[in-house]
Structure formats: C-alpha cells, structure tokens
Amino acid sequence: MAYKSEIEALVLSALADGPLHGYRITQAIKARSSGLLKLGDNQIYPTLHRLELENLIDAEWQPQEGKPARKVYSLTPEGRRRLEQRQQEWKQYAANFAIALGLGGGHA
C-alpha cells in the first residue's frame, strides 16, 4: 500500500463517526492507535485538501464565539465507499501478513 492511501484511510476512518476539524482528526487518529500514530500539519492538511478535491469529504466553515471560524470536514457518500474499500484492503493485507508470519491460514 502506498503511504498516501494509508493516511487517506486514517483520515476517512476518523471522520466515520461524524464531522471533525483538522486538529480533532489528528487527535482521533492518535487515540484510535493508542498514541502510536501521530500526524503532523504537513501530513493532515494536504491530505484533507486532496480528499476534498476528490469529493471524498465535504468541508464547511464553522463559526466559533470569540475565535476565528474553523473548517470542519465530513465524509461524502463516495468517501464512505472509499473508506469501506480501504478497510477491506487492510483486512486482506493483515490476513496475508499473518499467513506469511505463520500466524494463520492453516500454514505451519
């Protein structure tokens, strides 16, 4: 799998439960991975912009009291389909890797 699609899968997965702004997306990824995965601004925002251009996510500016508005992202139906595709790819990848390590699939 390409690194770009791995970050894509993480971002789409973070948005599966509902809309989030960029910082919350990075926090969701960190929390879901028990702190093992951390994305910086130089990774998350280019990915968000690309996903928006590809119509996989929508973005809207959300006003905040006493603060500048922030951009909040949500999955589009196409984004949800892409997430499901990435999840299936990762399941297959993990299963193949487990077999290669002798952890499953009936191979000793």
PDB file of N, CA and C in Angstrom:
ATOM      1  N   MET A   1       0.837  -1.191   0.000  1.00  0.00           N
ATOM      2  CA  MET A   1       0.000   0.000   0.000  1.00  0.00           C
ATOM      3  C   MET A   1       0.873   1.242   0.000  1.00  0.00           C
ATOM      4  N   ALA A   2       0.437   2.223  -0.679  1.00  0.00           N
ATOM      5  CA  ALA A   2       1.179   3.476  -0.737  1.00  0.00           C
ATOM      6  C   ALA A   2       0.908   4.309   0.508  1.00  0.00           C
ATOM      7  N   TYR A   3       1.922   5.044   0.926  1.00  0.00           N
ATOM      8  CA  TYR A   3       1.813   5.883   2.120  1.00  0.00           C
ATOM      9  C   TYR A   3       0.642   6.851   2.023  1.00  0.00           C
ATOM     10  N   LYS A   4       0.428   7.431   0.857  1.00  0.00           N
ATOM     11  CA  LYS A   4      -0.656   8.380   0.650  1.00  0.00           C
ATOM     12  C   LYS A   4      -2.009   7.741   0.960  1.00  0.00           C
ATOM     13  N   SER A   5      -2.221   6.512   0.532  1.00  0.00           N
ATOM     14  CA  SER A   5      -3.502   5.853   0.782  1.00  0.00           C
ATOM     15  C   SER A   5      -3.634   5.423   2.238  1.00  0.00           C
ATOM     16  N   GLU A   6      -2.532   5.208   2.931  1.00  0.00           N
ATOM     17  CA  GLU A   6      -2.601   4.879   4.353  1.00  0.00           C
ATOM     18  C   GLU A   6      -3.089   6.085   5.146  1.00  0.00           C
ATOM     19  N   ILE A   7      -2.544   7.262   4.866  1.00  0.00           N
ATOM     20  CA  ILE A   7      -3.006   8.474   5.542  1.00  0.00           C
ATOM     21  C   ILE A   7      -4.466   8.733   5.175  1.00  0.00           C
ATOM     22  N   GLU A   8      -4.796   8.535   3.918  1.00  0.00           N
ATOM     23  CA  GLU A   8      -6.180   8.699   3.473  1.00  0.00           C
ATOM     24  C   GLU A   8      -7.110   7.817   4.294  1.00  0.00           C
ATOM     25  N   ALA A   9      -6.763   6.554   4.453  1.00  0.00           N
ATOM     26  CA  ALA A   9      -7.599   5.623   5.213  1.00  0.00           C
ATOM     27  C   ALA A   9      -7.754   6.081   6.660  1.00  0.00           C
ATOM     28  N   LEU A  10      -6.680   6.556   7.264  1.00  0.00           N
ATOM     29  CA  LEU A  10      -6.750   7.032   8.645  1.00  0.00           C
ATOM     30  C   LEU A  10      -7.669   8.241   8.776  1.00  0.00           C
ATOM     31  N   VAL A  11      -7.569   9.177   7.850  1.00  0.00           N
ATOM     32  CA  VAL A  11      -8.400  10.385   7.895  1.00  0.00           C
ATOM     33  C   VAL A  11      -9.868  10.023   7.665  1.00  0.00           C
ATOM     34  N   LEU A  12     -10.142   9.219   6.661  1.00  0.00           N
ATOM     35  CA  LEU A  12     -11.521   8.820   6.388  1.00  0.00           C
ATOM     36  C   LEU A  12     -12.113   8.069   7.582  1.00  0.00           C
ATOM     37  N   SER A  13     -11.320   7.225   8.193  1.00  0.00           N
ATOM     38  CA  SER A  13     -11.784   6.476   9.352  1.00  0.00           C
ATOM     39  C   SER A  13     -12.102   7.397  10.529  1.00  0.00           C
ATOM     40  N   ALA A  14     -11.275   8.411  10.728  1.00  0.00           N
ATOM     41  CA  ALA A  14     -11.516   9.364  11.812  1.00  0.00           C
ATOM     42  C   ALA A  14     -12.830  10.105  11.607  1.00  0.00           C
ATOM     43  N   LEU A  15     -13.228  10.305  10.349  1.00  0.00           N
ATOM     44  CA  LEU A  15     -14.463  11.031  10.043  1.00  0.00           C
ATOM     45  C   LEU A  15     -15.692  10.131   9.982  1.00  0.00           C
ATOM     46  N   ALA A  16     -15.506   8.830  10.153  1.00  0.00           N
ATOM     47  CA  ALA A  16     -16.621   7.889  10.022  1.00  0.00           C
ATOM     48  C   ALA A  16     -17.722   8.131  11.048  1.00  0.00           C
ATOM     49  N   ASP A  17     -17.368   8.619  12.216  1.00  0.00           N
ATOM     50  CA  ASP A  17     -18.372   8.827  13.271  1.00  0.00           C
ATOM     51  C   ASP A  17     -18.986  10.217  13.251  1.00  0.00           C
ATOM     52  N   GLY A  18     -18.494  11.085  12.382  1.00  0.00           N
ATOM     53  CA  GLY A  18     -19.080  12.412  12.286  1.00  0.00           C
ATOM     54  C   GLY A  18     -18.051  13.473  11.960  1.00  0.00           C
ATOM     55  N   PRO A  19     -18.522  14.692  11.710  1.00  0.00           N
ATOM     56  CA  PRO A  19     -17.645  15.796  11.300  1.00  0.00           C
ATOM     57  C   PRO A  19     -16.624  16.174  12.374  1.00  0.00           C
ATOM     58  N   LEU A  20     -15.430  16.529  11.915  1.00  0.00           N
ATOM     59  CA  LEU A  20     -14.347  16.967  12.805  1.00  0.00           C
ATOM     60  C   LEU A  20     -13.519  18.035  12.096  1.00  0.00           C
ATOM     61  N   HIS A  21     -12.871  18.878  12.870  1.00  0.00           N
ATOM     62  CA  HIS A  21     -11.904  19.813  12.290  1.00  0.00           C
ATOM     63  C   HIS A  21     -10.529  19.157  12.330  1.00  0.00           C
ATOM     64  N   GLY A  22      -9.565  19.751  11.631  1.00  0.00           N
ATOM     65  CA  GLY A  22      -8.258  19.132  11.428  1.00  0.00           C
ATOM     66  C   GLY A  22      -7.582  18.652  12.695  1.00  0.00           C
ATOM     67  N   TYR A  23      -7.527  19.494  13.722  1.00  0.00           N
ATOM     68  CA  TYR A  23      -6.853  19.089  14.954  1.00  0.00           C
ATOM     69  C   TYR A  23      -7.549  17.888  15.590  1.00  0.00           C
ATOM     70  N   ARG A  24      -8.874  17.880  15.583  1.00  0.00           N
ATOM     71  CA  ARG A  24      -9.617  16.753  16.160  1.00  0.00           C
ATOM     72  C   ARG A  24      -9.391  15.468  15.351  1.00  0.00           C
ATOM     73  N   ILE A  25      -9.197  15.597  14.053  1.00  0.00           N
ATOM     74  CA  ILE A  25      -8.904  14.415  13.240  1.00  0.00           C
ATOM     75  C   ILE A  25      -7.578  13.809  13.680  1.00  0.00           C
ATOM     76  N   THR A  26      -6.560  14.648  13.864  1.00  0.00           N
ATOM     77  CA  THR A  26      -5.259  14.125  14.301  1.00  0.00           C
ATOM     78  C   THR A  26      -5.372  13.508  15.690  1.00  0.00           C
ATOM     79  N   GLN A  27      -6.170  14.104  16.559  1.00  0.00           N
ATOM     80  CA  GLN A  27      -6.356  13.555  17.905  1.00  0.00           C
ATOM     81  C   GLN A  27      -7.104  12.222  17.869  1.00  0.00           C
ATOM     82  N   ALA A  28      -8.083  12.102  16.976  1.00  0.00           N
ATOM     83  CA  ALA A  28      -8.825  10.845  16.844  1.00  0.00           C
ATOM     84  C   ALA A  28      -7.913   9.726  16.349  1.00  0.00           C
ATOM     85  N   ILE A  29      -7.048  10.032  15.391  1.00  0.00           N
ATOM     86  CA  ILE A  29      -6.116   9.026  14.882  1.00  0.00           C
ATOM     87  C   ILE A  29      -5.154   8.604  15.985  1.00  0.00           C
ATOM     88  N   LYS A  30      -4.656   9.553  16.716  1.00  0.00           N
ATOM     89  CA  LYS A  30      -3.746   9.258  17.825  1.00  0.00           C
ATOM     90  C   LYS A  30      -4.438   8.392  18.878  1.00  0.00           C
ATOM     91  N   ALA A  31      -5.669   8.743  19.229  1.00  0.00           N
ATOM     92  CA  ALA A  31      -6.408   7.988  20.250  1.00  0.00           C
ATOM     93  C   ALA A  31      -6.723   6.575  19.770  1.00  0.00           C
ATOM     94  N   ARG A  32      -7.167   6.443  18.526  1.00  0.00           N
ATOM     95  CA  ARG A  32      -7.516   5.120  17.998  1.00  0.00           C
ATOM     96  C   ARG A  32      -6.302   4.194  17.914  1.00  0.00           C
ATOM     97  N   SER A  33      -5.133   4.778  17.802  1.00  0.00           N
ATOM     98  CA  SER A  33      -3.915   3.967  17.690  1.00  0.00           C
ATOM     99  C   SER A  33      -3.171   3.884  19.027  1.00  0.00           C
ATOM    100  N   SER A  34      -3.828   4.253  20.111  1.00  0.00           N
ATOM    101  CA  SER A  34      -3.207   4.260  21.447  1.00  0.00           C
ATOM    102  C   SER A  34      -1.914   5.072  21.454  1.00  0.00           C
ATOM    103  N   GLY A  35      -1.901   6.146  20.685  1.00  0.00           N
ATOM    104  CA  GLY A  35      -0.753   7.045  20.658  1.00  0.00           C
ATOM    105  C   GLY A  35       0.366   6.646  19.721  1.00  0.00           C
ATOM    106  N   LEU A  36       0.229   5.520  19.029  1.00  0.00           N
ATOM    107  CA  LEU A  36       1.299   5.054  18.141  1.00  0.00           C
ATOM    108  C   LEU A  36       1.389   5.856  16.845  1.00  0.00           C
ATOM    109  N   LEU A  37       0.260   6.332  16.355  1.00  0.00           N
ATOM    110  CA  LEU A  37       0.245   7.067  15.091  1.00  0.00           C
ATOM    111  C   LEU A  37      -0.041   8.536  15.357  1.00  0.00           C
ATOM    112  N   LYS A  38       0.839   9.388  14.861  1.00  0.00           N
ATOM    113  CA  LYS A  38       0.675  10.827  15.015  1.00  0.00           C
ATOM    114  C   LYS A  38       0.919  11.473  13.663  1.00  0.00           C
ATOM    115  N   LEU A  39      -0.016  12.319  13.258  1.00  0.00           N
ATOM    116  CA  LEU A  39       0.141  13.035  12.003  1.00  0.00           C
ATOM    117  C   LEU A  39       0.391  14.499  12.290  1.00  0.00           C
ATOM    118  N   GLY A  40       1.309  15.081  11.557  1.00  0.00           N
ATOM    119  CA  GLY A  40       1.583  16.500  11.690  1.00  0.00           C
ATOM    120  C   GLY A  40       0.763  17.305  10.693  1.00  0.00           C
ATOM    121  N   ASP A  41       0.780  18.622  10.872  1.00  0.00           N
ATOM    122  CA  ASP A  41       0.059  19.516   9.961  1.00  0.00           C
ATOM    123  C   ASP A  41       0.501  19.323   8.518  1.00  0.00           C
ATOM    124  N   ASN A  42       1.794  19.041   8.328  1.00  0.00           N
ATOM    125  CA  ASN A  42       2.315  18.869   6.966  1.00  0.00           C
ATOM    126  C   ASN A  42       1.790  17.600   6.301  1.00  0.00           C
ATOM    127  N   GLN A  43       1.175  16.701   7.075  1.00  0.00           N
ATOM    128  CA  GLN A  43       0.587  15.486   6.520  1.00  0.00           C
ATOM    129  C   GLN A  43      -0.933  15.600   6.430  1.00  0.00           C
ATOM    130  N   ILE A  44      -1.552  16.114   7.481  1.00  0.00           N
ATOM    131  CA  ILE A  44      -3.017  16.094   7.559  1.00  0.00           C
ATOM    132  C   ILE A  44      -3.670  17.086   6.601  1.00  0.00           C
ATOM    133  N   TYR A  45      -3.185  18.326   6.557  1.00  0.00           N
ATOM    134  CA  TYR A  45      -3.879  19.334   5.754  1.00  0.00           C
ATOM    135  C   TYR A  45      -3.755  19.112   4.250  1.00  0.00           C
ATOM    136  N   PRO A  46      -2.603  18.725   3.733  1.00  0.00           N
ATOM    137  CA  PRO A  46      -2.575  18.384   2.297  1.00  0.00           C
ATOM    138  C   PRO A  46      -3.507  17.214   1.969  1.00  0.00           C
ATOM    139  N   THR A  47      -3.595  16.245   2.869  1.00  0.00           N
ATOM    140  CA  THR A  47      -4.496  15.108   2.653  1.00  0.00           C
ATOM    141  C   THR A  47      -5.945  15.576   2.660  1.00  0.00           C
ATOM    142  N   LEU A  48      -6.305  16.429   3.615  1.00  0.00           N
ATOM    143  CA  LEU A  48      -7.676  16.946   3.676  1.00  0.00           C
ATOM    144  C   LEU A  48      -8.023  17.720   2.401  1.00  0.00           C
ATOM    145  N   HIS A  49      -7.111  18.541   1.931  1.00  0.00           N
ATOM    146  CA  HIS A  49      -7.367  19.311   0.707  1.00  0.00           C
ATOM    147  C   HIS A  49      -7.556  18.383  -0.491  1.00  0.00           C
ATOM    148  N   ARG A  50      -6.715  17.368  -0.588  1.00  0.00           N
ATOM    149  CA  ARG A  50      -6.827  16.421  -1.706  1.00  0.00           C
ATOM    150  C   ARG A  50      -8.142  15.649  -1.641  1.00  0.00           C
ATOM    151  N   LEU A  51      -8.512  15.184  -0.440  1.00  0.00           N
ATOM    152  CA  LEU A  51      -9.759  14.435  -0.280  1.00  0.00           C
ATOM    153  C   LEU A  51     -10.971  15.300  -0.614  1.00  0.00           C
ATOM    154  N   GLU A  52     -10.874  16.576  -0.278  1.00  0.00           N
ATOM    155  CA  GLU A  52     -11.960  17.499  -0.607  1.00  0.00           C
ATOM    156  C   GLU A  52     -12.060  17.672  -2.129  1.00  0.00           C
ATOM    157  N   LEU A  53     -10.925  17.836  -2.792  1.00  0.00           N
ATOM    158  CA  LEU A  53     -10.922  17.974  -4.254  1.00  0.00           C
ATOM    159  C   LEU A  53     -11.447  16.718  -4.948  1.00  0.00           C
ATOM    160  N   GLU A  54     -11.207  15.563  -4.336  1.00  0.00           N
ATOM    161  CA  GLU A  54     -11.667  14.292  -4.903  1.00  0.00           C
ATOM    162  C   GLU A  54     -13.107  13.955  -4.506  1.00  0.00           C
ATOM    163  N   ASN A  55     -13.774  14.880  -3.827  1.00  0.00           N
ATOM    164  CA  ASN A  55     -15.165  14.715  -3.390  1.00  0.00           C
ATOM    165  C   ASN A  55     -15.353  13.539  -2.424  1.00  0.00           C
ATOM    166  N   LEU A  56     -14.316  13.240  -1.660  1.00  0.00           N
ATOM    167  CA  LEU A  56     -14.417  12.186  -0.649  1.00  0.00           C
ATOM    168  C   LEU A  56     -14.823  12.759   0.701  1.00  0.00           C
ATOM    169  N   ILE A  57     -14.585  14.051   0.885  1.00  0.00           N
ATOM    170  CA  ILE A  57     -15.030  14.751   2.087  1.00  0.00           C
ATOM    171  C   ILE A  57     -15.602  16.108   1.684  1.00  0.00           C
ATOM    172  N   ASP A  58     -16.488  16.609   2.523  1.00  0.00           N
ATOM    173  CA  ASP A  58     -17.010  17.968   2.392  1.00  0.00           C
ATOM    174  C   ASP A  58     -16.400  18.793   3.497  1.00  0.00           C
ATOM    175  N   ALA A  59     -16.315  20.097   3.284  1.00  0.00           N
ATOM    176  CA  ALA A  59     -15.788  20.996   4.311  1.00  0.00           C
ATOM    177  C   ALA A  59     -16.689  22.215   4.401  1.00  0.00           C
ATOM    178  N   GLU A  60     -16.891  22.680   5.621  1.00  0.00           N
ATOM    179  CA  GLU A  60     -17.626  23.922   5.805  1.00  0.00           C
ATOM    180  C   GLU A  60     -17.018  24.683   6.969  1.00  0.00           C
ATOM    181  N   TRP A  61     -17.103  25.991   6.854  1.00  0.00           N
ATOM    182  CA  TRP A  61     -16.567  26.847   7.906  1.00  0.00           C
ATOM    183  C   TRP A  61     -17.579  26.931   9.032  1.00  0.00           C
ATOM    184  N   GLN A  62     -17.115  26.658  10.241  1.00  0.00           N
ATOM    185  CA  GLN A  62     -17.964  26.671  11.425  1.00  0.00           C
ATOM    186  C   GLN A  62     -17.567  27.851  12.304  1.00  0.00           C
ATOM    187  N   PRO A  63     -18.513  28.765  12.564  1.00  0.00           N
ATOM    188  CA  PRO A  63     -18.170  29.906  13.418  1.00  0.00           C
ATOM    189  C   PRO A  63     -17.917  29.463  14.858  1.00  0.00           C
ATOM    190  N   GLN A  64     -17.060  30.214  15.529  1.00  0.00           N
ATOM    191  CA  GLN A  64     -16.773  29.976  16.940  1.00  0.00           C
ATOM    192  C   GLN A  64     -16.898  31.312  17.675  1.00  0.00           C
ATOM    193  N   GLU A  65     -17.463  31.277  18.827  1.00  0.00           N
ATOM    194  CA  GLU A  65     -17.624  32.509  19.595  1.00  0.00           C
ATOM    195  C   GLU A  65     -16.275  33.019  20.083  1.00  0.00           C
ATOM    196  N   GLY A  66     -15.959  34.245  19.705  1.00  0.00           N
ATOM    197  CA  GLY A  66     -14.724  34.875  20.145  1.00  0.00           C
ATOM    198  C   GLY A  66     -13.458  34.348  19.495  1.00  0.00           C
ATOM    199  N   LYS A  67     -13.598  33.479  18.498  1.00  0.00           N
ATOM    200  CA  LYS A  67     -12.447  32.894  17.811  1.00  0.00           C
ATOM    201  C   LYS A  67     -12.717  32.898  16.315  1.00  0.00           C
ATOM    202  N   PRO A  68     -11.668  32.752  15.519  1.00  0.00           N
ATOM    203  CA  PRO A  68     -11.897  32.633  14.069  1.00  0.00           C
ATOM    204  C   PRO A  68     -12.682  31.357  13.744  1.00  0.00           C
ATOM    205  N   ALA A  69     -13.404  31.389  12.652  1.00  0.00           N
ATOM    206  CA  ALA A  69     -14.125  30.191  12.199  1.00  0.00           C
ATOM    207  C   ALA A  69     -13.124  29.080  11.899  1.00  0.00           C
ATOM    208  N   ARG A  70     -13.578  27.851  12.027  1.00  0.00           N
ATOM    209  CA  ARG A  70     -12.704  26.718  11.708  1.00  0.00           C
ATOM    210  C   ARG A  70     -13.389  25.842  10.667  1.00  0.00           C
ATOM    211  N   LYS A  71     -12.569  25.178   9.887  1.00  0.00           N
ATOM    212  CA  LYS A  71     -13.066  24.321   8.819  1.00  0.00           C
ATOM    213  C   LYS A  71     -13.343  22.933   9.395  1.00  0.00           C
ATOM    214  N   VAL A  72     -14.570  22.459   9.184  1.00  0.00           N
ATOM    215  CA  VAL A  72     -14.992  21.157   9.687  1.00  0.00           C
ATOM    216  C   VAL A  72     -15.247  20.247   8.489  1.00  0.00           C
ATOM    217  N   TYR A  73     -14.742  19.025   8.582  1.00  0.00           N
ATOM    218  CA  TYR A  73     -14.795  18.073   7.479  1.00  0.00           C
ATOM    219  C   TYR A  73     -15.750  16.925   7.803  1.00  0.00           C
ATOM    220  N   SER A  74     -16.421  16.422   6.771  1.00  0.00           N
ATOM    221  CA  SER A  74     -17.303  15.260   6.927  1.00  0.00           C
ATOM    222  C   SER A  74     -17.195  14.385   5.688  1.00  0.00           C
ATOM    223  N   LEU A  75     -17.519  13.119   5.856  1.00  0.00           N
ATOM    224  CA  LEU A  75     -17.468  12.170   4.744  1.00  0.00           C
ATOM    225  C   LEU A  75     -18.616  12.405   3.775  1.00  0.00           C
ATOM    226  N   THR A  76     -18.333  12.259   2.503  1.00  0.00           N
ATOM    227  CA  THR A  76     -19.377  12.219   1.479  1.00  0.00           C
ATOM    228  C   THR A  76     -19.744  10.740   1.290  1.00  0.00           C
ATOM    229  N   PRO A  77     -20.833  10.455   0.592  1.00  0.00           N
ATOM    230  CA  PRO A  77     -21.135   9.044   0.298  1.00  0.00           C
ATOM    231  C   PRO A  77     -19.969   8.350  -0.425  1.00  0.00           C
ATOM    232  N   GLU A  78     -19.318   9.050  -1.343  1.00  0.00           N
ATOM    233  CA  GLU A  78     -18.155   8.480  -2.044  1.00  0.00           C
ATOM    234  C   GLU A  78     -17.009   8.232  -1.067  1.00  0.00           C
ATOM    235  N   GLY A  79     -16.841   9.138  -0.106  1.00  0.00           N
ATOM    236  CA  GLY A  79     -15.811   8.962   0.915  1.00  0.00           C
ATOM    237  C   GLY A  79     -16.072   7.744   1.780  1.00  0.00           C
ATOM    238  N   ARG A  80     -17.333   7.511   2.108  1.00  0.00           N
ATOM    239  CA  ARG A  80     -17.687   6.325   2.899  1.00  0.00           C
ATOM    240  C   ARG A  80     -17.395   5.049   2.112  1.00  0.00           C
ATOM    241  N   ARG A  81     -17.695   5.083   0.806  1.00  0.00           N
ATOM    242  CA  ARG A  81     -17.376   3.908  -0.041  1.00  0.00           C
ATOM    243  C   ARG A  81     -15.869   3.682  -0.100  1.00  0.00           C
ATOM    244  N   ARG A  82     -15.092   4.759  -0.228  1.00  0.00           N
ATOM    245  CA  ARG A  82     -13.632   4.632  -0.271  1.00  0.00           C
ATOM    246  C   ARG A  82     -13.112   4.071   1.049  1.00  0.00           C
ATOM    247  N   LEU A  83     -13.682   4.536   2.167  1.00  0.00           N
ATOM    248  CA  LEU A  83     -13.276   4.016   3.470  1.00  0.00           C
ATOM    249  C   LEU A  83     -13.527   2.516   3.550  1.00  0.00           C
ATOM    250  N   GLU A  84     -14.701   2.082   3.125  1.00  0.00           N
ATOM    251  CA  GLU A  84     -15.019   0.649   3.144  1.00  0.00           C
ATOM    252  C   GLU A  84     -14.038  -0.139   2.274  1.00  0.00           C
ATOM    253  N   GLN A  85     -13.671   0.426   1.125  1.00  0.00           N
ATOM    254  CA  GLN A  85     -12.697  -0.215   0.239  1.00  0.00           C
ATOM    255  C   GLN A  85     -11.344  -0.332   0.943  1.00  0.00           C
ATOM    256  N   ARG A  86     -10.890   0.747   1.573  1.00  0.00           N
ATOM    257  CA  ARG A  86      -9.596   0.739   2.278  1.00  0.00           C
ATOM    258  C   ARG A  86      -9.617  -0.250   3.444  1.00  0.00           C
ATOM    259  N   GLN A  87     -10.745  -0.321   4.141  1.00  0.00           N
ATOM    260  CA  GLN A  87     -10.846  -1.267   5.254  1.00  0.00           C
ATOM    261  C   GLN A  87     -10.712  -2.699   4.757  1.00  0.00           C
ATOM    262  N   GLN A  88     -11.352  -3.019   3.643  1.00  0.00           N
ATOM    263  CA  GLN A  88     -11.244  -4.359   3.075  1.00  0.00           C
ATOM    264  C   GLN A  88      -9.816  -4.656   2.628  1.00  0.00           C
ATOM    265  N   GLU A  89      -9.162  -3.670   2.025  1.00  0.00           N
ATOM    266  CA  GLU A  89      -7.771  -3.854   1.606  1.00  0.00           C
ATOM    267  C   GLU A  89      -6.880  -4.142   2.805  1.00  0.00           C
ATOM    268  N   TRP A  90      -7.091  -3.409   3.906  1.00  0.00           N
ATOM    269  CA  TRP A  90      -6.274  -3.611   5.099  1.00  0.00           C
ATOM    270  C   TRP A  90      -6.557  -4.965   5.750  1.00  0.00           C
ATOM    271  N   LYS A  91      -7.803  -5.406   5.744  1.00  0.00           N
ATOM    272  CA  LYS A  91      -8.128  -6.728   6.285  1.00  0.00           C
ATOM    273  C   LYS A  91      -7.382  -7.808   5.501  1.00  0.00           C
ATOM    274  N   GLN A  92      -7.395  -7.668   4.170  1.00  0.00           N
ATOM    275  CA  GLN A  92      -6.703  -8.649   3.331  1.00  0.00           C
ATOM    276  C   GLN A  92      -5.198  -8.592   3.546  1.00  0.00           C
ATOM    277  N   TYR A  93      -4.666  -7.381   3.627  1.00  0.00           N
ATOM    278  CA  TYR A  93      -3.231  -7.202   3.870  1.00  0.00           C
ATOM    279  C   TYR A  93      -2.833  -7.845   5.200  1.00  0.00           C
ATOM    280  N   ALA A  94      -3.604  -7.580   6.253  1.00  0.00           N
ATOM    281  CA  ALA A  94      -3.298  -8.134   7.576  1.00  0.00           C
ATOM    282  C   ALA A  94      -3.395  -9.661   7.564  1.00  0.00           C
ATOM    283  N   ALA A  95      -4.395 -10.193   6.878  1.00  0.00           N
ATOM    284  CA  ALA A  95      -4.544 -11.648   6.795  1.00  0.00           C
ATOM    285  C   ALA A  95      -3.363 -12.270   6.050  1.00  0.00           C
ATOM    286  N   ASN A  96      -2.953 -11.662   4.944  1.00  0.00           N
ATOM    287  CA  ASN A  96      -1.810 -12.175   4.184  1.00  0.00           C
ATOM    288  C   ASN A  96      -0.522 -12.094   4.997  1.00  0.00           C
ATOM    289  N   PHE A  97      -0.353 -11.015   5.723  1.00  0.00           N
ATOM    290  CA  PHE A  97       0.839 -10.846   6.548  1.00  0.00           C
ATOM    291  C   PHE A  97       0.875 -11.890   7.662  1.00  0.00           C
ATOM    292  N   ALA A  98      -0.283 -12.140   8.277  1.00  0.00           N
ATOM    293  CA  ALA A  98      -0.364 -13.160   9.331  1.00  0.00           C
ATOM    294  C   ALA A  98       0.017 -14.533   8.784  1.00  0.00           C
ATOM    295  N   ILE A  99      -0.455 -14.844   7.585  1.00  0.00           N
ATOM    296  CA  ILE A  99      -0.106 -16.122   6.953  1.00  0.00           C
ATOM    297  C   ILE A  99       1.398 -16.184   6.700  1.00  0.00           C
ATOM    298  N   ALA A 100       1.957 -15.108   6.193  1.00  0.00           N
ATOM    299  CA  ALA A 100       3.385 -15.081   5.903  1.00  0.00           C
ATOM    300  C   ALA A 100       4.236 -15.248   7.160  1.00  0.00           C
ATOM    301  N   LEU A 101       3.706 -14.791   8.292  1.00  0.00           N
ATOM    302  CA  LEU A 101       4.423 -14.943   9.573  1.00  0.00           C
ATOM    303  C   LEU A 101       4.139 -16.274  10.258  1.00  0.00           C
ATOM    304  N   GLY A 102       3.291 -17.083   9.619  1.00  0.00           N
ATOM    305  CA  GLY A 102       2.955 -18.363  10.221  1.00  0.00           C
ATOM    306  C   GLY A 102       1.939 -18.253  11.341  1.00  0.00           C
ATOM    307  N   LEU A 103       1.129 -17.197  11.324  1.00  0.00           N
ATOM    308  CA  LEU A 103       0.163 -16.964  12.404  1.00  0.00           C
ATOM    309  C   LEU A 103      -1.243 -17.412  12.058  1.00  0.00           C
ATOM    310  N   GLY A 104      -1.501 -17.829  10.839  1.00  0.00           N
ATOM    311  CA  GLY A 104      -2.859 -18.199  10.495  1.00  0.00           C
ATOM    312  C   GLY A 104      -2.924 -18.800   9.108  1.00  0.00           C
ATOM    313  N   GLY A 105      -4.149 -19.125   8.722  1.00  0.00           N
ATOM    314  CA  GLY A 105      -4.394 -19.620   7.378  1.00  0.00           C
ATOM    315  C   GLY A 105      -4.057 -21.085   7.177  1.00  0.00           C
ATOM    316  N   GLY A 106      -3.838 -21.814   8.279  1.00  0.00           N
ATOM    317  CA  GLY A 106      -3.602 -23.250   8.163  1.00  0.00           C
ATOM    318  C   GLY A 106      -2.183 -23.627   7.778  1.00  0.00           C
ATOM    319  N   HIS A 107      -1.283 -22.663   7.635  1.00  0.00           N
ATOM    320  CA  HIS A 107       0.103 -22.973   7.303  1.00  0.00           C
ATOM    321  C   HIS A 107       0.915 -23.045   8.580  1.00  0.00           C
ATOM    322  N   ALA A 108       1.705 -24.049   8.734  1.00  0.00           N
ATOM    323  CA  ALA A 108       2.519 -24.208   9.938  1.00  0.00           C
ATOM    324  C   ALA A 108       3.939 -23.769   9.702  1.00  0.00           C
TER     325      ALA A 108
END
